[in-house]
Amino acid sequence: MQLVYIELKAGKPTEGSLSALCAARQLAGPIHALTLGPIEAASLAPYGVEKVWVVDDERLRPFAPTAAAKAVHQAIQRLAPRWVVAPSSPEANEVLARAAALGGWGFASACTQLAVDGDALNLTRVTWGGSLFQEAQLKGTPALISVDLAAFSPQPSAAPGATTLENLSVTLSDGDFVDQLKAVEKGEKQGVSLADAKVVVGGGRGVGSEEGFNMLVELAGLLNAAVGGSRVVTNNGWRPHSDQIGQTGAQIAPDVYIACGISGAIQHMVGCKNSKNIIAINKDPDAPIFQRANYGVVGDLHEIIPALMDEVKKLKGK
């Protein structure tokens, strides 16, 4: 049996959790799920889950990593799964890493490929901020892994069955909740979110100034796109740090990424490596980004972007 740790958002499984379920289908054995909060069986039934184990403790509603890890540790001890799979989100990675430490089990994060090899698990995982891929083998029972959110598409099972719910009791003390997320304050964000955008328009040093981003914002409006930037852009205060794309910023996976005046340093490319198509606009023909781009335009973005907007407006009848 394999156990999939399901993260919840407003009582629903996150998209990353559904990706983890799809990754679990590549392994052998029936799939059970574990949630730290109530959930409807119907939300997981299409993904081949036989049983959902629910730890229903209201104290776990705000994220409490120590308590969550102890709950997962106890669940693994009780259920004795062969593999434990989770989405590679910051919260899930922290919970599984702590649970693995409590149990003395092996843990591998950010896996992109999985293959059963007898009693071991062969895997490929992302390391060094996404700039390298590591091939490894995880031995021992249970083996804990988290899977890269962009590597497994959350597709329903071809042969889903009935899914049942069962409560699972764990023992947690007040001291387990010494670290707990109390509140999240979000800054005001206008336009399309980087995380959800199908099209992203990014700017780098070549944009030249905060005012230079006005035309990128206008282009993004025409394309219903999000606006992002490189680290130098946010460091210079041209865009807020929430707009930074890269190793220490947002990880994006749009259908189209239009990179304007971005050289293509590895730290930035880590953040946009999952883009399906990259269109690079740069006046330097030797800019590294052209080696990773699907399409490249060599020229001054201050001339190319207005011309591009004119063509988009014509297509839109504006």
C-alpha atoms as a PDB file:
ATOM      1  CA  MET A   1       0.000   0.000   0.000  1.00  0.00           C
ATOM      2  CA  GLN A   2       1.136   3.547  -0.677  1.00  0.00           C
ATOM      3  CA  LEU A   3       0.037   6.627   1.203  1.00  0.00           C
ATOM      4  CA  VAL A   4      -0.351  10.059  -0.404  1.00  0.00           C
ATOM      5  CA  TYR A   5      -0.205  13.106   1.852  1.00  0.00           C
ATOM      6  CA  ILE A   6      -2.931  15.473   0.662  1.00  0.00           C
ATOM      7  CA  GLU A   7      -2.660  19.191   1.324  1.00  0.00           C
ATOM      8  CA  LEU A   8      -5.970  20.987   1.688  1.00  0.00           C
ATOM      9  CA  LYS A   9      -7.050  24.466   0.718  1.00  0.00           C
ATOM     10  CA  ALA A  10     -10.541  25.424   1.897  1.00  0.00           C
ATOM     11  CA  GLY A  11     -11.287  21.725   2.362  1.00  0.00           C
ATOM     12  CA  LYS A  12     -10.265  20.813  -1.193  1.00  0.00           C
ATOM     13  CA  PRO A  13      -7.108  19.006  -2.354  1.00  0.00           C
ATOM     14  CA  THR A  14      -4.495  21.297  -3.862  1.00  0.00           C
ATOM     15  CA  GLU A  15      -3.509  20.803  -7.488  1.00  0.00           C
ATOM     16  CA  GLY A  16      -0.076  19.670  -6.311  1.00  0.00           C
ATOM     17  CA  SER A  17      -1.716  16.968  -4.225  1.00  0.00           C
ATOM     18  CA  LEU A  18      -3.580  15.699  -7.278  1.00  0.00           C
ATOM     19  CA  SER A  19      -0.242  15.601  -9.110  1.00  0.00           C
ATOM     20  CA  ALA A  20       1.140  13.511  -6.243  1.00  0.00           C
ATOM     21  CA  LEU A  21      -1.748  11.063  -6.683  1.00  0.00           C
ATOM     22  CA  CYS A  22      -0.899  10.732 -10.372  1.00  0.00           C
ATOM     23  CA  ALA A  23       2.745  10.094  -9.504  1.00  0.00           C
ATOM     24  CA  ALA A  24       1.664   7.441  -7.007  1.00  0.00           C
ATOM     25  CA  ARG A  25      -0.139   5.546  -9.763  1.00  0.00           C
ATOM     26  CA  GLN A  26       3.304   4.805 -11.255  1.00  0.00           C
ATOM     27  CA  LEU A  27       4.148   2.778  -8.150  1.00  0.00           C
ATOM     28  CA  ALA A  28       2.807  -0.616  -7.160  1.00  0.00           C
ATOM     29  CA  GLY A  29      -0.072  -1.190  -4.782  1.00  0.00           C
ATOM     30  CA  PRO A  30      -3.394   0.361  -3.784  1.00  0.00           C
ATOM     31  CA  ILE A  31      -3.454   4.079  -3.079  1.00  0.00           C
ATOM     32  CA  HIS A  32      -4.577   5.478   0.254  1.00  0.00           C
ATOM     33  CA  ALA A  33      -4.631   9.175   1.112  1.00  0.00           C
ATOM     34  CA  LEU A  34      -3.976  11.060   4.342  1.00  0.00           C
ATOM     35  CA  THR A  35      -5.472  14.453   5.161  1.00  0.00           C
ATOM     36  CA  LEU A  36      -5.049  16.655   8.215  1.00  0.00           C
ATOM     37  CA  GLY A  37      -8.597  17.915   8.087  1.00  0.00           C
ATOM     38  CA  PRO A  38     -12.030  16.947   6.734  1.00  0.00           C
ATOM     39  CA  ILE A  39     -12.501  16.273   3.038  1.00  0.00           C
ATOM     40  CA  GLU A  40     -15.175  14.846   0.764  1.00  0.00           C
ATOM     41  CA  ALA A  41     -14.379  11.440  -0.715  1.00  0.00           C
ATOM     42  CA  ALA A  42     -15.771  12.572  -4.065  1.00  0.00           C
ATOM     43  CA  SER A  43     -12.899  15.023  -4.511  1.00  0.00           C
ATOM     44  CA  LEU A  44     -10.358  12.169  -4.569  1.00  0.00           C
ATOM     45  CA  ALA A  45     -12.395   9.307  -6.019  1.00  0.00           C
ATOM     46  CA  PRO A  46     -11.578  10.133  -9.683  1.00  0.00           C
ATOM     47  CA  TYR A  47      -7.858   9.721  -8.948  1.00  0.00           C
ATOM     48  CA  GLY A  48      -7.917   6.079  -7.918  1.00  0.00           C
ATOM     49  CA  VAL A  49      -7.891   6.505  -4.136  1.00  0.00           C
ATOM     50  CA  GLU A  50      -9.302   3.489  -2.293  1.00  0.00           C
ATOM     51  CA  LYS A  51      -9.397   4.970   1.196  1.00  0.00           C
ATOM     52  CA  VAL A  52      -8.868   8.385   2.766  1.00  0.00           C
ATOM     53  CA  TRP A  53      -7.545   8.516   6.321  1.00  0.00           C
ATOM     54  CA  VAL A  54      -8.673  11.716   8.016  1.00  0.00           C
ATOM     55  CA  VAL A  55      -6.915  13.221  11.034  1.00  0.00           C
ATOM     56  CA  ASP A  56      -9.584  15.648  12.209  1.00  0.00           C
ATOM     57  CA  ASP A  57      -7.948  17.872  14.821  1.00  0.00           C
ATOM     58  CA  GLU A  58      -8.995  21.528  14.680  1.00  0.00           C
ATOM     59  CA  ARG A  59      -5.622  22.580  16.082  1.00  0.00           C
ATOM     60  CA  LEU A  60      -4.042  21.481  12.798  1.00  0.00           C
ATOM     61  CA  ARG A  61      -6.105  23.919  10.706  1.00  0.00           C
ATOM     62  CA  PRO A  62      -3.464  26.668  10.840  1.00  0.00           C
ATOM     63  CA  PHE A  63      -0.231  25.141   9.553  1.00  0.00           C
ATOM     64  CA  ALA A  64       1.774  23.769  12.489  1.00  0.00           C
ATOM     65  CA  PRO A  65       4.843  21.924  11.123  1.00  0.00           C
ATOM     66  CA  THR A  66       5.877  20.137  14.317  1.00  0.00           C
ATOM     67  CA  ALA A  67       2.367  18.877  15.048  1.00  0.00           C
ATOM     68  CA  ALA A  68       1.692  17.984  11.402  1.00  0.00           C
ATOM     69  CA  ALA A  69       4.930  16.013  11.195  1.00  0.00           C
ATOM     70  CA  LYS A  70       4.074  14.086  14.368  1.00  0.00           C
ATOM     71  CA  ALA A  71       0.601  13.334  13.002  1.00  0.00           C
ATOM     72  CA  VAL A  72       2.051  12.055   9.721  1.00  0.00           C
ATOM     73  CA  HIS A  73       4.711  10.058  11.596  1.00  0.00           C
ATOM     74  CA  GLN A  74       2.065   8.334  13.703  1.00  0.00           C
ATOM     75  CA  ALA A  75      -0.101   7.670  10.653  1.00  0.00           C
ATOM     76  CA  ILE A  76       2.812   6.024   8.841  1.00  0.00           C
ATOM     77  CA  GLN A  77       3.562   3.867  11.882  1.00  0.00           C
ATOM     78  CA  ARG A  78      -0.069   2.762  12.087  1.00  0.00           C
ATOM     79  CA  LEU A  79      -0.722   2.184   8.386  1.00  0.00           C
ATOM     80  CA  ALA A  80       2.728   0.815   7.392  1.00  0.00           C
ATOM     81  CA  PRO A  81       2.748   1.977   3.741  1.00  0.00           C
ATOM     82  CA  ARG A  82       5.524   0.952   1.344  1.00  0.00           C
ATOM     83  CA  TRP A  83       5.800   4.463  -0.083  1.00  0.00           C
ATOM     84  CA  VAL A  84       4.638   7.876   1.098  1.00  0.00           C
ATOM     85  CA  VAL A  85       4.125  10.469  -1.642  1.00  0.00           C
ATOM     86  CA  ALA A  86       3.464  14.198  -1.264  1.00  0.00           C
ATOM     87  CA  PRO A  87       3.529  17.342  -3.396  1.00  0.00           C
ATOM     88  CA  SER A  88       6.849  19.167  -3.377  1.00  0.00           C
ATOM     89  CA  SER A  89       5.477  22.328  -1.786  1.00  0.00           C
ATOM     90  CA  PRO A  90       7.459  24.107   0.959  1.00  0.00           C
ATOM     91  CA  GLU A  91       4.944  23.019   3.605  1.00  0.00           C
ATOM     92  CA  ALA A  92       4.699  19.375   2.512  1.00  0.00           C
ATOM     93  CA  ASN A  93       8.481  19.069   2.181  1.00  0.00           C
ATOM     94  CA  GLU A  94       8.886  20.366   5.715  1.00  0.00           C
ATOM     95  CA  VAL A  95       6.295  17.967   7.118  1.00  0.00           C
ATOM     96  CA  LEU A  96       7.744  14.907   5.362  1.00  0.00           C
ATOM     97  CA  ALA A  97      11.322  15.823   6.227  1.00  0.00           C
ATOM     98  CA  ARG A  98      10.419  16.118   9.904  1.00  0.00           C
ATOM     99  CA  ALA A  99       8.365  12.907   9.828  1.00  0.00           C
ATOM    100  CA  ALA A 100      11.261  11.080   8.161  1.00  0.00           C
ATOM    101  CA  ALA A 101      13.640  12.332  10.851  1.00  0.00           C
ATOM    102  CA  LEU A 102      11.273  11.125  13.577  1.00  0.00           C
ATOM    103  CA  GLY A 103      11.039   7.660  12.044  1.00  0.00           C
ATOM    104  CA  GLY A 104      14.591   7.327  10.757  1.00  0.00           C
ATOM    105  CA  TRP A 105      13.257   6.863   7.218  1.00  0.00           C
ATOM    106  CA  GLY A 106      14.639   7.922   3.852  1.00  0.00           C
ATOM    107  CA  PHE A 107      13.230  11.031   2.175  1.00  0.00           C
ATOM    108  CA  ALA A 108      13.798  12.452  -1.319  1.00  0.00           C
ATOM    109  CA  SER A 109      12.230  15.744  -2.398  1.00  0.00           C
ATOM    110  CA  ALA A 110      11.289  17.289  -5.755  1.00  0.00           C
ATOM    111  CA  CYS A 111      11.239  14.024  -7.729  1.00  0.00           C
ATOM    112  CA  THR A 112      10.488  14.241 -11.450  1.00  0.00           C
ATOM    113  CA  GLN A 113      10.652  10.535 -12.397  1.00  0.00           C
ATOM    114  CA  LEU A 114       9.922   7.368 -10.412  1.00  0.00           C
ATOM    115  CA  ALA A 115      10.569   3.704 -11.163  1.00  0.00           C
ATOM    116  CA  VAL A 116      10.228   0.680  -8.880  1.00  0.00           C
ATOM    117  CA  ASP A 117      13.373  -1.473  -8.848  1.00  0.00           C
ATOM    118  CA  GLY A 118      12.666  -4.514  -6.686  1.00  0.00           C
ATOM    119  CA  ASP A 119      12.623  -3.315  -3.088  1.00  0.00           C
ATOM    120  CA  ALA A 120      14.121   0.047  -4.031  1.00  0.00           C
ATOM    121  CA  LEU A 121      12.875   3.144  -5.818  1.00  0.00           C
ATOM    122  CA  ASN A 122      14.885   4.679  -8.650  1.00  0.00           C
ATOM    123  CA  LEU A 123      14.219   8.363  -9.005  1.00  0.00           C
ATOM    124  CA  THR A 124      15.279  11.562 -10.693  1.00  0.00           C
ATOM    125  CA  ARG A 125      15.071  14.708  -8.614  1.00  0.00           C
ATOM    126  CA  VAL A 126      15.679  18.425  -8.997  1.00  0.00           C
ATOM    127  CA  THR A 127      18.684  19.852  -7.143  1.00  0.00           C
ATOM    128  CA  TRP A 128      20.624  23.119  -6.950  1.00  0.00           C
ATOM    129  CA  GLY A 129      17.533  25.225  -7.423  1.00  0.00           C
ATOM    130  CA  GLY A 130      16.512  23.388 -10.587  1.00  0.00           C
ATOM    131  CA  SER A 131      19.813  23.779 -12.443  1.00  0.00           C
ATOM    132  CA  LEU A 132      20.741  20.074 -12.054  1.00  0.00           C
ATOM    133  CA  PHE A 133      18.942  16.735 -12.064  1.00  0.00           C
ATOM    134  CA  GLN A 134      20.130  13.970  -9.769  1.00  0.00           C
ATOM    135  CA  GLU A 135      19.586  10.259 -10.339  1.00  0.00           C
ATOM    136  CA  ALA A 136      19.332   8.365  -7.066  1.00  0.00           C
ATOM    137  CA  GLN A 137      17.997   5.212  -5.463  1.00  0.00           C
ATOM    138  CA  LEU A 138      15.935   5.228  -2.295  1.00  0.00           C
ATOM    139  CA  LYS A 139      15.968   2.072  -0.197  1.00  0.00           C
ATOM    140  CA  GLY A 140      14.201   1.037   2.980  1.00  0.00           C
ATOM    141  CA  THR A 141      10.595   0.871   4.148  1.00  0.00           C
ATOM    142  CA  PRO A 142       8.799   3.165   4.179  1.00  0.00           C
ATOM    143  CA  ALA A 143      10.346   5.439   1.548  1.00  0.00           C
ATOM    144  CA  LEU A 144       9.132   9.057   1.637  1.00  0.00           C
ATOM    145  CA  ILE A 145       9.156  11.226  -1.487  1.00  0.00           C
ATOM    146  CA  SER A 146       7.730  14.506  -2.709  1.00  0.00           C
ATOM    147  CA  VAL A 147       7.141  15.072  -6.412  1.00  0.00           C
ATOM    148  CA  ASP A 148       7.831  18.150  -8.500  1.00  0.00           C
ATOM    149  CA  LEU A 149       4.519  19.889  -9.202  1.00  0.00           C
ATOM    150  CA  ALA A 150       5.319  20.487 -12.879  1.00  0.00           C
ATOM    151  CA  ALA A 151       6.495  16.931 -13.612  1.00  0.00           C
ATOM    152  CA  PHE A 152       3.192  15.090 -13.125  1.00  0.00           C
ATOM    153  CA  SER A 153      -0.036  16.248 -14.710  1.00  0.00           C
ATOM    154  CA  PRO A 154      -3.078  15.881 -12.413  1.00  0.00           C
ATOM    155  CA  GLN A 155      -5.099  13.546 -14.633  1.00  0.00           C
ATOM    156  CA  PRO A 156      -7.949  11.358 -13.308  1.00  0.00           C
ATOM    157  CA  SER A 157      -7.449   7.605 -13.213  1.00  0.00           C
ATOM    158  CA  ALA A 158      -8.572   5.542 -16.199  1.00  0.00           C
ATOM    159  CA  ALA A 159     -10.327   3.128 -13.843  1.00  0.00           C
ATOM    160  CA  PRO A 160     -11.421   4.948 -10.672  1.00  0.00           C
ATOM    161  CA  GLY A 161     -13.248   2.992  -7.993  1.00  0.00           C
ATOM    162  CA  ALA A 162     -15.156   3.694  -4.814  1.00  0.00           C
ATOM    163  CA  THR A 163     -13.424   5.804  -2.169  1.00  0.00           C
ATOM    164  CA  THR A 164     -14.144   5.447   1.533  1.00  0.00           C
ATOM    165  CA  LEU A 165     -13.344   7.716   4.469  1.00  0.00           C
ATOM    166  CA  GLU A 166     -12.047   6.627   7.847  1.00  0.00           C
ATOM    167  CA  ASN A 167     -10.983   8.709  10.820  1.00  0.00           C
ATOM    168  CA  LEU A 168      -7.490   8.209  12.181  1.00  0.00           C
ATOM    169  CA  SER A 169      -6.700   9.318  15.723  1.00  0.00           C
ATOM    170  CA  VAL A 170      -3.279  10.643  16.669  1.00  0.00           C
ATOM    171  CA  THR A 171      -1.855  11.881  19.962  1.00  0.00           C
ATOM    172  CA  LEU A 172      -0.702  15.509  19.989  1.00  0.00           C
ATOM    173  CA  SER A 173       0.153  17.678  22.983  1.00  0.00           C
ATOM    174  CA  ASP A 174      -0.102  21.456  23.308  1.00  0.00           C
ATOM    175  CA  GLY A 175       3.691  21.596  23.145  1.00  0.00           C
ATOM    176  CA  ASP A 176       3.559  20.239  19.579  1.00  0.00           C
ATOM    177  CA  PHE A 177       1.959  23.509  18.491  1.00  0.00           C
ATOM    178  CA  VAL A 178       4.772  25.782  19.623  1.00  0.00           C
ATOM    179  CA  ASP A 179       5.322  26.765  15.972  1.00  0.00           C
ATOM    180  CA  GLN A 180       2.147  27.594  14.090  1.00  0.00           C
ATOM    181  CA  LEU A 181       1.135  29.844  11.228  1.00  0.00           C
ATOM    182  CA  LYS A 182      -1.180  32.456  12.710  1.00  0.00           C
ATOM    183  CA  ALA A 183      -1.917  34.742   9.764  1.00  0.00           C
ATOM    184  CA  VAL A 184      -0.974  35.443   6.157  1.00  0.00           C
ATOM    185  CA  GLU A 185      -0.924  39.021   4.945  1.00  0.00           C
ATOM    186  CA  LYS A 186      -0.944  39.470   1.206  1.00  0.00           C
ATOM    187  CA  GLY A 187       0.021  42.665  -0.524  1.00  0.00           C
ATOM    188  CA  GLU A 188      -2.262  44.156  -3.115  1.00  0.00           C
ATOM    189  CA  LYS A 189      -1.716  42.521  -6.473  1.00  0.00           C
ATOM    190  CA  GLN A 190      -3.158  43.902  -9.669  1.00  0.00           C
ATOM    191  CA  GLY A 191      -3.566  41.907 -12.836  1.00  0.00           C
ATOM    192  CA  VAL A 192      -3.018  38.196 -13.431  1.00  0.00           C
ATOM    193  CA  SER A 193      -1.097  36.115 -10.882  1.00  0.00           C
ATOM    194  CA  LEU A 194       2.299  34.752 -11.943  1.00  0.00           C
ATOM    195  CA  ALA A 195       1.394  31.355 -10.512  1.00  0.00           C
ATOM    196  CA  ASP A 196      -1.751  30.997 -12.635  1.00  0.00           C
ATOM    197  CA  ALA A 197      -0.892  32.927 -15.798  1.00  0.00           C
ATOM    198  CA  LYS A 198      -0.905  31.159 -19.159  1.00  0.00           C
ATOM    199  CA  VAL A 199       1.181  34.012 -20.574  1.00  0.00           C
ATOM    200  CA  VAL A 200       3.908  35.909 -18.707  1.00  0.00           C
ATOM    201  CA  VAL A 201       5.725  39.039 -19.857  1.00  0.00           C
ATOM    202  CA  GLY A 202       9.061  39.403 -18.065  1.00  0.00           C
ATOM    203  CA  GLY A 203      11.525  42.265 -18.045  1.00  0.00           C
ATOM    204  CA  GLY A 204      15.182  42.504 -17.151  1.00  0.00           C
ATOM    205  CA  ARG A 205      17.954  45.054 -16.990  1.00  0.00           C
ATOM    206  CA  GLY A 206      17.379  45.910 -20.634  1.00  0.00           C
ATOM    207  CA  VAL A 207      14.012  47.507 -19.816  1.00  0.00           C
ATOM    208  CA  GLY A 208      16.066  50.332 -18.334  1.00  0.00           C
ATOM    209  CA  SER A 209      13.819  51.825 -15.657  1.00  0.00           C
ATOM    210  CA  GLU A 210      10.606  51.580 -13.695  1.00  0.00           C
ATOM    211  CA  GLU A 211       8.918  53.703 -16.347  1.00  0.00           C
ATOM    212  CA  GLY A 212      10.162  51.302 -19.002  1.00  0.00           C
ATOM    213  CA  PHE A 213       7.890  48.637 -17.549  1.00  0.00           C
ATOM    214  CA  ASN A 214       4.808  50.631 -18.551  1.00  0.00           C
ATOM    215  CA  MET A 215       4.888  49.207 -22.057  1.00  0.00           C
ATOM    216  CA  LEU A 216       5.362  45.672 -20.698  1.00  0.00           C
ATOM    217  CA  VAL A 217       2.334  46.194 -18.462  1.00  0.00           C
ATOM    218  CA  GLU A 218       0.371  47.422 -21.478  1.00  0.00           C
ATOM    219  CA  LEU A 219       1.429  44.392 -23.525  1.00  0.00           C
ATOM    220  CA  ALA A 220       0.455  42.100 -20.657  1.00  0.00           C
ATOM    221  CA  GLY A 221      -2.975  43.736 -20.546  1.00  0.00           C
ATOM    222  CA  LEU A 222      -3.505  43.013 -24.236  1.00  0.00           C
ATOM    223  CA  LEU A 223      -2.469  39.370 -23.761  1.00  0.00           C
ATOM    224  CA  ASN A 224      -4.226  38.819 -20.411  1.00  0.00           C
ATOM    225  CA  ALA A 225      -0.756  38.075 -19.083  1.00  0.00           C
ATOM    226  CA  ALA A 226       1.116  38.481 -15.807  1.00  0.00           C
ATOM    227  CA  VAL A 227       4.140  40.740 -15.462  1.00  0.00           C
ATOM    228  CA  GLY A 228       7.380  39.551 -13.876  1.00  0.00           C
ATOM    229  CA  GLY A 229      10.985  40.554 -13.676  1.00  0.00           C
ATOM    230  CA  SER A 230      14.524  39.418 -13.028  1.00  0.00           C
ATOM    231  CA  ARG A 231      16.349  39.902  -9.743  1.00  0.00           C
ATOM    232  CA  VAL A 232      18.098  43.071 -10.885  1.00  0.00           C
ATOM    233  CA  VAL A 233      14.686  44.562 -11.637  1.00  0.00           C
ATOM    234  CA  THR A 234      13.316  43.953  -8.155  1.00  0.00           C
ATOM    235  CA  ASN A 235      16.613  44.934  -6.519  1.00  0.00           C
ATOM    236  CA  ASN A 236      16.423  48.271  -8.333  1.00  0.00           C
ATOM    237  CA  GLY A 237      12.848  48.770  -7.169  1.00  0.00           C
ATOM    238  CA  TRP A 238      11.384  48.787 -10.667  1.00  0.00           C
ATOM    239  CA  ARG A 239       8.946  46.013  -9.700  1.00  0.00           C
ATOM    240  CA  PRO A 240       7.905  44.574  -6.299  1.00  0.00           C
ATOM    241  CA  HIS A 241       9.812  41.507  -5.070  1.00  0.00           C
ATOM    242  CA  SER A 242       6.632  39.436  -5.441  1.00  0.00           C
ATOM    243  CA  ASP A 243       7.145  39.801  -9.222  1.00  0.00           C
ATOM    244  CA  GLN A 244      10.630  38.280  -9.212  1.00  0.00           C
ATOM    245  CA  ILE A 245      11.059  35.171 -11.358  1.00  0.00           C
ATOM    246  CA  GLY A 246      13.975  32.923 -10.539  1.00  0.00           C
ATOM    247  CA  GLN A 247      15.707  30.664  -8.064  1.00  0.00           C
ATOM    248  CA  THR A 248      14.878  32.980  -5.154  1.00  0.00           C
ATOM    249  CA  GLY A 249      11.574  34.140  -6.631  1.00  0.00           C
ATOM    250  CA  ALA A 250       8.532  32.713  -8.354  1.00  0.00           C
ATOM    251  CA  GLN A 251       8.607  29.459 -10.323  1.00  0.00           C
ATOM    252  CA  ILE A 252       6.411  29.862 -13.392  1.00  0.00           C
ATOM    253  CA  ALA A 253       5.071  27.375 -15.953  1.00  0.00           C
ATOM    254  CA  PRO A 254       3.075  29.382 -18.531  1.00  0.00           C
ATOM    255  CA  ASP A 255       2.255  28.360 -22.068  1.00  0.00           C
ATOM    256  CA  VAL A 256       4.231  31.385 -23.289  1.00  0.00           C
ATOM    257  CA  TYR A 257       6.945  33.401 -21.551  1.00  0.00           C
ATOM    258  CA  ILE A 258       8.032  36.606 -23.304  1.00  0.00           C
ATOM    259  CA  ALA A 259      11.424  37.586 -21.845  1.00  0.00           C
ATOM    260  CA  CYS A 260      12.326  41.175 -22.623  1.00  0.00           C
ATOM    261  CA  GLY A 261      15.828  42.461 -22.011  1.00  0.00           C
ATOM    262  CA  ILE A 262      16.723  39.437 -19.864  1.00  0.00           C
ATOM    263  CA  SER A 263      20.205  37.998 -20.361  1.00  0.00           C
ATOM    264  CA  GLY A 264      19.309  34.512 -19.141  1.00  0.00           C
ATOM    265  CA  ALA A 265      21.421  33.978 -16.029  1.00  0.00           C
ATOM    266  CA  ILE A 266      20.982  30.493 -14.553  1.00  0.00           C
ATOM    267  CA  GLN A 267      19.265  31.916 -11.446  1.00  0.00           C
ATOM    268  CA  HIS A 268      16.533  33.362 -13.652  1.00  0.00           C
ATOM    269  CA  MET A 269      16.229  30.363 -15.944  1.00  0.00           C
ATOM    270  CA  VAL A 270      15.554  28.135 -12.923  1.00  0.00           C
ATOM    271  CA  GLY A 271      12.344  30.099 -12.403  1.00  0.00           C
ATOM    272  CA  CYS A 272      11.066  29.802 -15.968  1.00  0.00           C
ATOM    273  CA  LYS A 273      12.411  26.379 -16.990  1.00  0.00           C
ATOM    274  CA  ASN A 274       8.910  24.882 -17.014  1.00  0.00           C
ATOM    275  CA  SER A 275       7.589  27.397 -19.556  1.00  0.00           C
ATOM    276  CA  LYS A 276       6.245  25.575 -22.609  1.00  0.00           C
ATOM    277  CA  ASN A 277       7.497  28.285 -24.982  1.00  0.00           C
ATOM    278  CA  ILE A 278      10.045  31.025 -24.336  1.00  0.00           C
ATOM    279  CA  ILE A 279      10.227  34.049 -26.629  1.00  0.00           C
ATOM    280  CA  ALA A 280      13.386  36.082 -25.999  1.00  0.00           C
ATOM    281  CA  ILE A 281      13.824  39.707 -27.055  1.00  0.00           C
ATOM    282  CA  ASN A 282      17.358  41.027 -26.560  1.00  0.00           C
ATOM    283  CA  LYS A 283      19.700  43.306 -28.493  1.00  0.00           C
ATOM    284  CA  ASP A 284      22.688  41.107 -27.583  1.00  0.00           C
ATOM    285  CA  PRO A 285      22.795  38.177 -30.036  1.00  0.00           C
ATOM    286  CA  ASP A 286      25.088  36.301 -27.651  1.00  0.00           C
ATOM    287  CA  ALA A 287      22.748  36.558 -24.646  1.00  0.00           C
ATOM    288  CA  PRO A 288      22.559  33.112 -22.935  1.00  0.00           C
ATOM    289  CA  ILE A 289      18.767  33.170 -22.980  1.00  0.00           C
ATOM    290  CA  PHE A 290      18.772  32.513 -26.725  1.00  0.00           C
ATOM    291  CA  GLN A 291      20.198  29.054 -26.012  1.00  0.00           C
ATOM    292  CA  ARG A 292      17.056  28.189 -24.012  1.00  0.00           C
ATOM    293  CA  ALA A 293      14.469  30.117 -26.022  1.00  0.00           C
ATOM    294  CA  ASN A 294      12.087  28.538 -28.522  1.00  0.00           C
ATOM    295  CA  TYR A 295      11.974  31.792 -30.464  1.00  0.00           C
ATOM    296  CA  GLY A 296      14.386  34.717 -30.394  1.00  0.00           C
ATOM    297  CA  VAL A 297      14.268  38.305 -31.627  1.00  0.00           C
ATOM    298  CA  VAL A 298      17.541  40.254 -31.743  1.00  0.00           C
ATOM    299  CA  GLY A 299      16.819  43.949 -31.420  1.00  0.00           C
ATOM    300  CA  ASP A 300      15.877  46.858 -29.178  1.00  0.00           C
ATOM    301  CA  LEU A 301      12.873  45.910 -27.067  1.00  0.00           C
ATOM    302  CA  HIS A 302      11.823  49.584 -26.931  1.00  0.00           C
ATOM    303  CA  GLU A 303      11.164  49.336 -30.669  1.00  0.00           C
ATOM    304  CA  ILE A 304       9.978  45.724 -30.834  1.00  0.00           C
ATOM    305  CA  ILE A 305       7.412  45.816 -28.014  1.00  0.00           C
ATOM    306  CA  PRO A 306       5.456  48.820 -29.412  1.00  0.00           C
ATOM    307  CA  ALA A 307       5.431  47.149 -32.832  1.00  0.00           C
ATOM    308  CA  LEU A 308       4.235  43.905 -31.251  1.00  0.00           C
ATOM    309  CA  MET A 309       1.461  45.738 -29.416  1.00  0.00           C
ATOM    310  CA  ASP A 310       0.319  47.376 -32.657  1.00  0.00           C
ATOM    311  CA  GLU A 311      -0.020  43.946 -34.282  1.00  0.00           C
ATOM    312  CA  VAL A 312      -1.893  42.525 -31.297  1.00  0.00           C
ATOM    313  CA  LYS A 313      -4.285  45.477 -31.373  1.00  0.00           C
ATOM    314  CA  LYS A 314      -4.933  44.894 -35.070  1.00  0.00           C
ATOM    315  CA  LEU A 315      -5.744  41.246 -34.393  1.00  0.00           C
ATOM    316  CA  LYS A 316      -8.077  42.301 -31.621  1.00  0.00           C
ATOM    317  CA  GLY A 317      -9.699  44.934 -33.823  1.00  0.00           C
ATOM    318  CA  LYS A 318      -8.603  47.821 -31.590  1.00  0.00           C
END
